[in-house]
């Protein structure tokens, strides 16, 4: 696949997960470093996320858990939005986080659950989070 094709495919995947708010955030990064902004679409989404064996919904749930494990609560919120956009239920998101508890501890699990709940509470009113 050509770089431009990977970029376009990656952008489409990213926007289906992150909506307009994600496009804006990646655009902010591209304003600082155009190469890095392009790499997010082309490599992260157009190469890694485009791999065919796991669907995007599953990848979002995995990354929700990864962000929880790292204490990256903004990332938890971002991945929860993506998971919901890809058809995951709130219960599935909660289970993805609580499954981590024995390995990451209760403080990170609790903070991640709060981050997820914040997304759930705002979901209906935040059109910029919906897929593009």
N, C-alpha and C. Protein backbone atom coordinates (compact mmCIF):
# COMPACT_ATOMS: atom_id res chain seq x y z
N UNK A 1 0.86 -1.18 0.00
CA UNK A 1 0.00 0.00 0.00
C UNK A 1 0.90 1.24 0.00
N UNK A 2 0.59 2.19 -0.85
CA UNK A 2 1.36 3.42 -0.94
C UNK A 2 1.15 4.28 0.30
N UNK A 3 2.15 5.11 0.60
CA UNK A 3 2.06 5.97 1.78
C UNK A 3 0.79 6.81 1.78
N UNK A 4 0.41 7.36 0.65
CA UNK A 4 -0.79 8.21 0.60
C UNK A 4 -2.05 7.39 0.87
N UNK A 5 -2.09 6.17 0.36
CA UNK A 5 -3.22 5.28 0.64
C UNK A 5 -3.30 4.93 2.12
N UNK A 6 -2.12 4.65 2.71
CA UNK A 6 -2.07 4.36 4.15
C UNK A 6 -2.53 5.56 4.96
N UNK A 7 -2.11 6.75 4.54
CA UNK A 7 -2.51 7.98 5.22
C UNK A 7 -4.03 8.15 5.18
N UNK A 8 -4.62 8.00 4.00
CA UNK A 8 -6.07 8.18 3.85
C UNK A 8 -6.85 7.11 4.61
N UNK A 9 -6.39 5.86 4.52
CA UNK A 9 -7.05 4.78 5.26
C UNK A 9 -6.93 5.04 6.76
N UNK A 10 -5.75 5.45 7.20
CA UNK A 10 -5.54 5.75 8.61
C UNK A 10 -6.40 6.90 9.09
N UNK A 11 -6.51 7.92 8.28
CA UNK A 11 -7.35 9.07 8.67
C UNK A 11 -8.80 8.63 8.81
N UNK A 12 -9.27 7.80 7.90
CA UNK A 12 -10.65 7.31 7.97
C UNK A 12 -10.87 6.48 9.24
N UNK A 13 -9.92 5.62 9.58
CA UNK A 13 -10.04 4.82 10.80
C UNK A 13 -10.05 5.73 12.02
N UNK A 14 -9.12 6.67 12.07
CA UNK A 14 -9.02 7.58 13.21
C UNK A 14 -10.32 8.37 13.40
N UNK A 15 -10.87 8.89 12.32
CA UNK A 15 -12.08 9.71 12.43
C UNK A 15 -13.29 8.86 12.80
N UNK A 16 -13.28 7.58 12.44
CA UNK A 16 -14.39 6.71 12.83
C UNK A 16 -14.34 6.42 14.33
N UNK A 17 -13.17 6.54 14.91
CA UNK A 17 -13.01 6.31 16.35
C UNK A 17 -13.10 7.60 17.14
N UNK A 18 -12.41 8.61 16.70
CA UNK A 18 -12.18 9.81 17.49
C UNK A 18 -13.08 10.99 17.16
N UNK A 19 -13.76 10.94 16.03
CA UNK A 19 -14.63 12.05 15.64
C UNK A 19 -13.85 13.32 15.37
N UNK A 20 -14.58 14.42 15.27
CA UNK A 20 -13.97 15.73 14.98
C UNK A 20 -13.00 16.16 16.07
N UNK A 21 -13.30 15.82 17.32
CA UNK A 21 -12.39 16.24 18.40
C UNK A 21 -11.01 15.60 18.23
N UNK A 22 -10.97 14.34 17.79
CA UNK A 22 -9.70 13.68 17.53
C UNK A 22 -8.97 14.29 16.36
N UNK A 23 -9.72 14.63 15.32
CA UNK A 23 -9.12 15.27 14.16
C UNK A 23 -8.48 16.61 14.57
N UNK A 24 -9.17 17.34 15.43
CA UNK A 24 -8.63 18.62 15.91
C UNK A 24 -7.36 18.40 16.73
N UNK A 25 -7.38 17.41 17.61
CA UNK A 25 -6.21 17.15 18.46
C UNK A 25 -5.00 16.72 17.62
N UNK A 26 -5.23 15.86 16.64
CA UNK A 26 -4.12 15.45 15.77
C UNK A 26 -3.66 16.64 14.93
N UNK A 27 -4.60 17.49 14.53
CA UNK A 27 -4.25 18.71 13.80
C UNK A 27 -3.37 19.64 14.63
N UNK A 28 -3.63 19.72 15.93
CA UNK A 28 -2.78 20.52 16.82
C UNK A 28 -1.35 19.98 16.83
N UNK A 29 -1.23 18.66 16.91
CA UNK A 29 0.10 18.04 16.89
C UNK A 29 0.77 18.30 15.54
N UNK A 30 0.01 18.18 14.46
CA UNK A 30 0.57 18.43 13.12
C UNK A 30 1.03 19.88 12.98
N UNK A 31 0.37 20.80 13.69
CA UNK A 31 0.80 22.19 13.67
C UNK A 31 2.17 22.38 14.33
N UNK A 32 2.47 21.54 15.27
CA UNK A 32 3.78 21.57 15.94
C UNK A 32 4.81 20.82 15.11
N UNK A 33 4.42 19.64 14.67
CA UNK A 33 5.31 18.80 13.86
C UNK A 33 4.48 18.13 12.77
N UNK A 34 4.50 18.69 11.54
CA UNK A 34 3.72 18.08 10.45
C UNK A 34 4.06 16.61 10.23
N UNK A 35 5.34 16.25 10.35
CA UNK A 35 5.76 14.86 10.16
C UNK A 35 5.10 13.95 11.20
N UNK A 36 5.06 14.40 12.44
CA UNK A 36 4.48 13.57 13.50
C UNK A 36 2.97 13.44 13.32
N UNK A 37 2.30 14.53 12.98
CA UNK A 37 0.86 14.48 12.73
C UNK A 37 0.53 13.51 11.61
N UNK A 38 1.32 13.55 10.56
CA UNK A 38 1.10 12.62 9.44
C UNK A 38 1.35 11.19 9.88
N UNK A 39 2.39 10.97 10.69
CA UNK A 39 2.72 9.62 11.15
C UNK A 39 1.60 9.02 11.98
N UNK A 40 0.89 9.84 12.73
CA UNK A 40 -0.23 9.32 13.52
C UNK A 40 -1.27 8.70 12.59
N UNK A 41 -1.63 9.42 11.53
CA UNK A 41 -2.62 8.87 10.58
C UNK A 41 -2.02 7.72 9.78
N UNK A 42 -0.83 7.93 9.23
CA UNK A 42 -0.25 6.96 8.30
C UNK A 42 0.23 5.69 8.98
N UNK A 43 1.00 5.82 10.06
CA UNK A 43 1.55 4.63 10.69
C UNK A 43 0.62 4.07 11.77
N UNK A 44 0.27 4.90 12.75
CA UNK A 44 -0.53 4.39 13.87
C UNK A 44 -1.85 3.79 13.38
N UNK A 45 -2.59 4.59 12.62
CA UNK A 45 -3.90 4.12 12.17
C UNK A 45 -3.84 3.39 10.83
N UNK A 46 -3.08 3.89 9.87
CA UNK A 46 -3.07 3.31 8.53
C UNK A 46 -2.28 2.02 8.41
N UNK A 47 -1.37 1.78 9.34
CA UNK A 47 -0.58 0.54 9.33
C UNK A 47 -0.98 -0.35 10.51
N UNK A 48 -0.80 0.13 11.72
CA UNK A 48 -1.04 -0.70 12.90
C UNK A 48 -2.53 -1.00 13.07
N UNK A 49 -3.36 0.04 13.12
CA UNK A 49 -4.79 -0.18 13.34
C UNK A 49 -5.46 -0.87 12.15
N UNK A 50 -4.87 -0.77 10.97
CA UNK A 50 -5.46 -1.38 9.77
C UNK A 50 -5.18 -2.88 9.67
N UNK A 51 -4.38 -3.42 10.58
CA UNK A 51 -4.15 -4.87 10.55
C UNK A 51 -5.49 -5.58 10.67
N UNK A 52 -5.67 -6.68 9.96
CA UNK A 52 -7.00 -7.25 9.81
C UNK A 52 -7.50 -8.24 10.87
N UNK A 53 -6.67 -8.75 11.74
CA UNK A 53 -7.10 -9.86 12.57
C UNK A 53 -8.00 -9.46 13.73
N UNK A 54 -7.79 -8.30 14.32
CA UNK A 54 -8.67 -7.81 15.39
C UNK A 54 -9.48 -6.65 14.83
N UNK A 55 -10.76 -6.63 15.17
CA UNK A 55 -11.57 -5.49 14.71
C UNK A 55 -11.25 -4.25 15.55
N UNK A 56 -11.66 -3.11 15.05
CA UNK A 56 -11.33 -1.83 15.69
C UNK A 56 -11.96 -1.76 17.09
N UNK A 57 -13.13 -2.30 17.26
CA UNK A 57 -13.79 -2.31 18.57
C UNK A 57 -12.92 -3.01 19.60
N UNK A 58 -12.39 -4.17 19.24
CA UNK A 58 -11.52 -4.93 20.13
C UNK A 58 -10.25 -4.15 20.43
N UNK A 59 -9.67 -3.54 19.41
CA UNK A 59 -8.46 -2.73 19.61
C UNK A 59 -8.73 -1.58 20.57
N UNK A 60 -9.90 -0.96 20.47
CA UNK A 60 -10.24 0.14 21.38
C UNK A 60 -10.34 -0.36 22.82
N UNK A 61 -10.94 -1.53 23.02
CA UNK A 61 -11.04 -2.08 24.38
C UNK A 61 -9.65 -2.42 24.93
N UNK A 62 -8.79 -2.98 24.10
CA UNK A 62 -7.41 -3.28 24.53
C UNK A 62 -6.71 -1.99 24.93
N UNK A 63 -6.84 -0.97 24.10
CA UNK A 63 -6.13 0.28 24.40
C UNK A 63 -6.73 1.02 25.58
N UNK A 64 -8.00 0.82 25.85
CA UNK A 64 -8.58 1.36 27.07
C UNK A 64 -7.84 0.76 28.26
N UNK A 65 -7.64 -0.55 28.23
CA UNK A 65 -6.93 -1.24 29.31
C UNK A 65 -5.47 -0.80 29.39
N UNK A 66 -4.83 -0.63 28.25
CA UNK A 66 -3.43 -0.19 28.24
C UNK A 66 -3.31 1.20 28.87
N UNK A 67 -4.18 2.11 28.46
CA UNK A 67 -4.14 3.47 29.04
C UNK A 67 -4.42 3.43 30.54
N UNK A 68 -5.36 2.60 30.96
CA UNK A 68 -5.63 2.45 32.39
C UNK A 68 -4.38 1.97 33.11
N UNK A 69 -3.70 1.01 32.54
CA UNK A 69 -2.52 0.44 33.20
C UNK A 69 -1.38 1.45 33.32
N UNK A 70 -1.34 2.40 32.42
CA UNK A 70 -0.29 3.41 32.46
C UNK A 70 -0.68 4.65 33.24
N UNK A 71 -1.91 4.67 33.75
CA UNK A 71 -2.35 5.86 34.46
C UNK A 71 -2.57 7.04 33.53
N UNK A 72 -2.86 6.75 32.27
CA UNK A 72 -3.07 7.77 31.25
C UNK A 72 -4.58 7.99 31.09
N UNK A 73 -5.14 8.80 31.98
CA UNK A 73 -6.60 8.92 32.09
C UNK A 73 -7.22 9.71 30.94
N UNK A 74 -6.47 10.67 30.36
CA UNK A 74 -6.96 11.31 29.13
C UNK A 74 -7.06 10.27 28.02
N UNK A 75 -6.09 9.37 27.98
CA UNK A 75 -6.11 8.28 27.01
C UNK A 75 -7.27 7.33 27.25
N UNK A 76 -7.58 7.05 28.52
CA UNK A 76 -8.74 6.22 28.82
C UNK A 76 -9.99 6.86 28.23
N UNK A 77 -10.16 8.16 28.48
CA UNK A 77 -11.34 8.85 27.93
C UNK A 77 -11.38 8.75 26.41
N UNK A 78 -10.25 8.99 25.75
CA UNK A 78 -10.18 8.94 24.28
C UNK A 78 -10.54 7.55 23.77
N UNK A 79 -9.98 6.51 24.40
CA UNK A 79 -10.24 5.16 23.92
C UNK A 79 -11.66 4.71 24.25
N UNK A 80 -12.22 5.17 25.36
CA UNK A 80 -13.62 4.86 25.66
C UNK A 80 -14.52 5.46 24.60
N UNK A 81 -14.25 6.70 24.21
CA UNK A 81 -15.05 7.31 23.13
C UNK A 81 -14.94 6.48 21.86
N UNK A 82 -13.71 6.06 21.55
CA UNK A 82 -13.52 5.23 20.36
C UNK A 82 -14.23 3.90 20.47
N UNK A 83 -14.17 3.29 21.63
CA UNK A 83 -14.85 1.99 21.82
C UNK A 83 -16.36 2.15 21.63
N UNK A 84 -16.93 3.19 22.21
CA UNK A 84 -18.37 3.43 22.04
C UNK A 84 -18.70 3.68 20.58
N UNK A 85 -17.86 4.43 19.89
CA UNK A 85 -18.07 4.70 18.47
C UNK A 85 -17.98 3.44 17.62
N UNK A 86 -17.28 2.44 18.11
CA UNK A 86 -17.13 1.19 17.37
C UNK A 86 -18.11 0.11 17.83
N UNK A 87 -19.08 0.50 18.68
CA UNK A 87 -20.14 -0.43 19.05
C UNK A 87 -19.98 -1.11 20.39
N UNK A 88 -18.95 -0.81 21.14
CA UNK A 88 -18.81 -1.41 22.47
C UNK A 88 -19.88 -0.83 23.39
N UNK A 89 -20.30 -1.62 24.34
CA UNK A 89 -21.27 -1.15 25.32
C UNK A 89 -20.54 -0.57 26.53
N UNK A 90 -21.26 0.19 27.33
CA UNK A 90 -20.68 0.71 28.56
C UNK A 90 -20.22 -0.44 29.46
N UNK A 91 -21.00 -1.48 29.54
CA UNK A 91 -20.62 -2.63 30.37
C UNK A 91 -19.33 -3.28 29.88
N UNK A 92 -19.15 -3.37 28.57
CA UNK A 92 -17.90 -3.94 28.04
C UNK A 92 -16.70 -3.06 28.37
N UNK A 93 -16.88 -1.76 28.27
CA UNK A 93 -15.81 -0.83 28.63
C UNK A 93 -15.44 -1.00 30.10
N UNK A 94 -16.46 -1.04 30.95
CA UNK A 94 -16.22 -1.20 32.38
C UNK A 94 -15.49 -2.51 32.65
N UNK A 95 -15.88 -3.58 31.98
CA UNK A 95 -15.20 -4.86 32.19
C UNK A 95 -13.76 -4.82 31.69
N UNK A 96 -13.51 -4.13 30.59
CA UNK A 96 -12.13 -4.00 30.10
C UNK A 96 -11.25 -3.33 31.15
N UNK A 97 -11.82 -2.36 31.85
CA UNK A 97 -11.05 -1.66 32.89
C UNK A 97 -10.94 -2.50 34.15
N UNK A 98 -12.05 -3.06 34.63
CA UNK A 98 -12.00 -3.79 35.90
C UNK A 98 -11.20 -5.09 35.79
N UNK A 99 -11.07 -5.65 34.62
CA UNK A 99 -10.23 -6.84 34.43
C UNK A 99 -8.78 -6.52 34.78
N UNK A 100 -8.40 -5.26 34.65
CA UNK A 100 -7.02 -4.85 34.94
C UNK A 100 -6.72 -4.72 36.43
N UNK A 101 -7.74 -4.63 37.26
CA UNK A 101 -7.55 -4.30 38.68
C UNK A 101 -6.49 -5.14 39.39
N UNK A 102 -6.47 -6.47 39.23
CA UNK A 102 -5.46 -7.24 39.96
C UNK A 102 -4.02 -6.93 39.52
N UNK A 103 -3.88 -6.35 38.34
CA UNK A 103 -2.55 -6.13 37.76
C UNK A 103 -2.08 -4.69 37.87
N UNK A 104 -3.02 -3.75 37.91
CA UNK A 104 -2.63 -2.34 37.92
C UNK A 104 -2.97 -1.65 39.24
N UNK A 105 -3.74 -2.32 40.08
CA UNK A 105 -4.10 -1.76 41.38
C UNK A 105 -5.42 -1.00 41.33
N UNK A 106 -5.98 -0.84 42.51
CA UNK A 106 -7.27 -0.17 42.62
C UNK A 106 -7.21 1.32 42.33
N UNK A 107 -6.17 2.04 42.72
CA UNK A 107 -6.17 3.48 42.41
C UNK A 107 -6.26 3.77 40.91
N UNK A 108 -5.49 3.07 40.08
CA UNK A 108 -5.56 3.29 38.62
C UNK A 108 -6.88 2.77 38.06
N UNK A 109 -7.36 1.67 38.57
CA UNK A 109 -8.65 1.16 38.12
C UNK A 109 -9.76 2.15 38.47
N UNK A 110 -9.75 2.63 39.69
CA UNK A 110 -10.79 3.59 40.12
C UNK A 110 -10.74 4.87 39.27
N UNK A 111 -9.56 5.40 39.07
CA UNK A 111 -9.44 6.63 38.27
C UNK A 111 -9.87 6.38 36.82
N UNK A 112 -9.58 5.21 36.31
CA UNK A 112 -9.99 4.87 34.94
C UNK A 112 -11.51 4.72 34.84
N UNK A 113 -12.12 4.12 35.86
CA UNK A 113 -13.58 4.02 35.88
C UNK A 113 -14.21 5.40 35.94
N UNK A 114 -13.63 6.30 36.71
CA UNK A 114 -14.14 7.68 36.76
C UNK A 114 -14.00 8.36 35.40
N UNK A 115 -12.88 8.14 34.72
CA UNK A 115 -12.67 8.72 33.39
C UNK A 115 -13.72 8.17 32.42
N UNK A 116 -13.98 6.88 32.47
CA UNK A 116 -14.99 6.27 31.60
C UNK A 116 -16.37 6.84 31.92
N UNK A 117 -16.69 6.96 33.20
CA UNK A 117 -18.00 7.49 33.58
C UNK A 117 -18.18 8.91 33.09
N UNK A 118 -17.12 9.69 33.09
CA UNK A 118 -17.19 11.05 32.57
C UNK A 118 -17.61 11.05 31.10
N UNK A 119 -17.05 10.12 30.33
CA UNK A 119 -17.45 9.99 28.93
C UNK A 119 -18.90 9.56 28.83
N UNK A 120 -19.29 8.55 29.60
CA UNK A 120 -20.68 8.08 29.56
C UNK A 120 -21.64 9.21 29.88
N UNK A 121 -21.31 10.02 30.87
CA UNK A 121 -22.19 11.11 31.31
C UNK A 121 -22.37 12.19 30.25
N UNK A 122 -21.36 12.39 29.42
CA UNK A 122 -21.40 13.45 28.42
C UNK A 122 -21.74 12.96 27.01
N UNK A 123 -21.82 11.66 26.83
CA UNK A 123 -21.88 11.05 25.51
C UNK A 123 -22.96 11.65 24.60
N UNK A 124 -24.16 11.78 25.08
CA UNK A 124 -25.26 12.23 24.24
C UNK A 124 -25.10 13.67 23.76
N UNK A 125 -24.48 14.51 24.55
CA UNK A 125 -24.39 15.93 24.22
C UNK A 125 -23.13 16.31 23.45
N UNK A 126 -22.21 15.40 23.24
CA UNK A 126 -20.92 15.72 22.64
C UNK A 126 -20.83 15.19 21.21
N UNK A 127 -21.42 15.91 20.30
CA UNK A 127 -21.42 15.49 18.88
C UNK A 127 -20.03 15.42 18.29
N UNK A 128 -19.10 16.24 18.80
CA UNK A 128 -17.73 16.24 18.25
C UNK A 128 -16.99 14.94 18.56
N UNK A 129 -17.55 14.11 19.45
CA UNK A 129 -16.94 12.82 19.76
C UNK A 129 -17.42 11.72 18.82
N UNK A 130 -18.46 11.98 18.07
CA UNK A 130 -19.07 10.93 17.24
C UNK A 130 -18.26 10.71 15.96
N UNK A 131 -18.38 9.55 15.35
CA UNK A 131 -17.60 9.24 14.15
C UNK A 131 -17.90 10.20 13.01
N UNK A 132 -16.87 10.41 12.20
CA UNK A 132 -17.00 11.28 11.02
C UNK A 132 -17.06 10.40 9.80
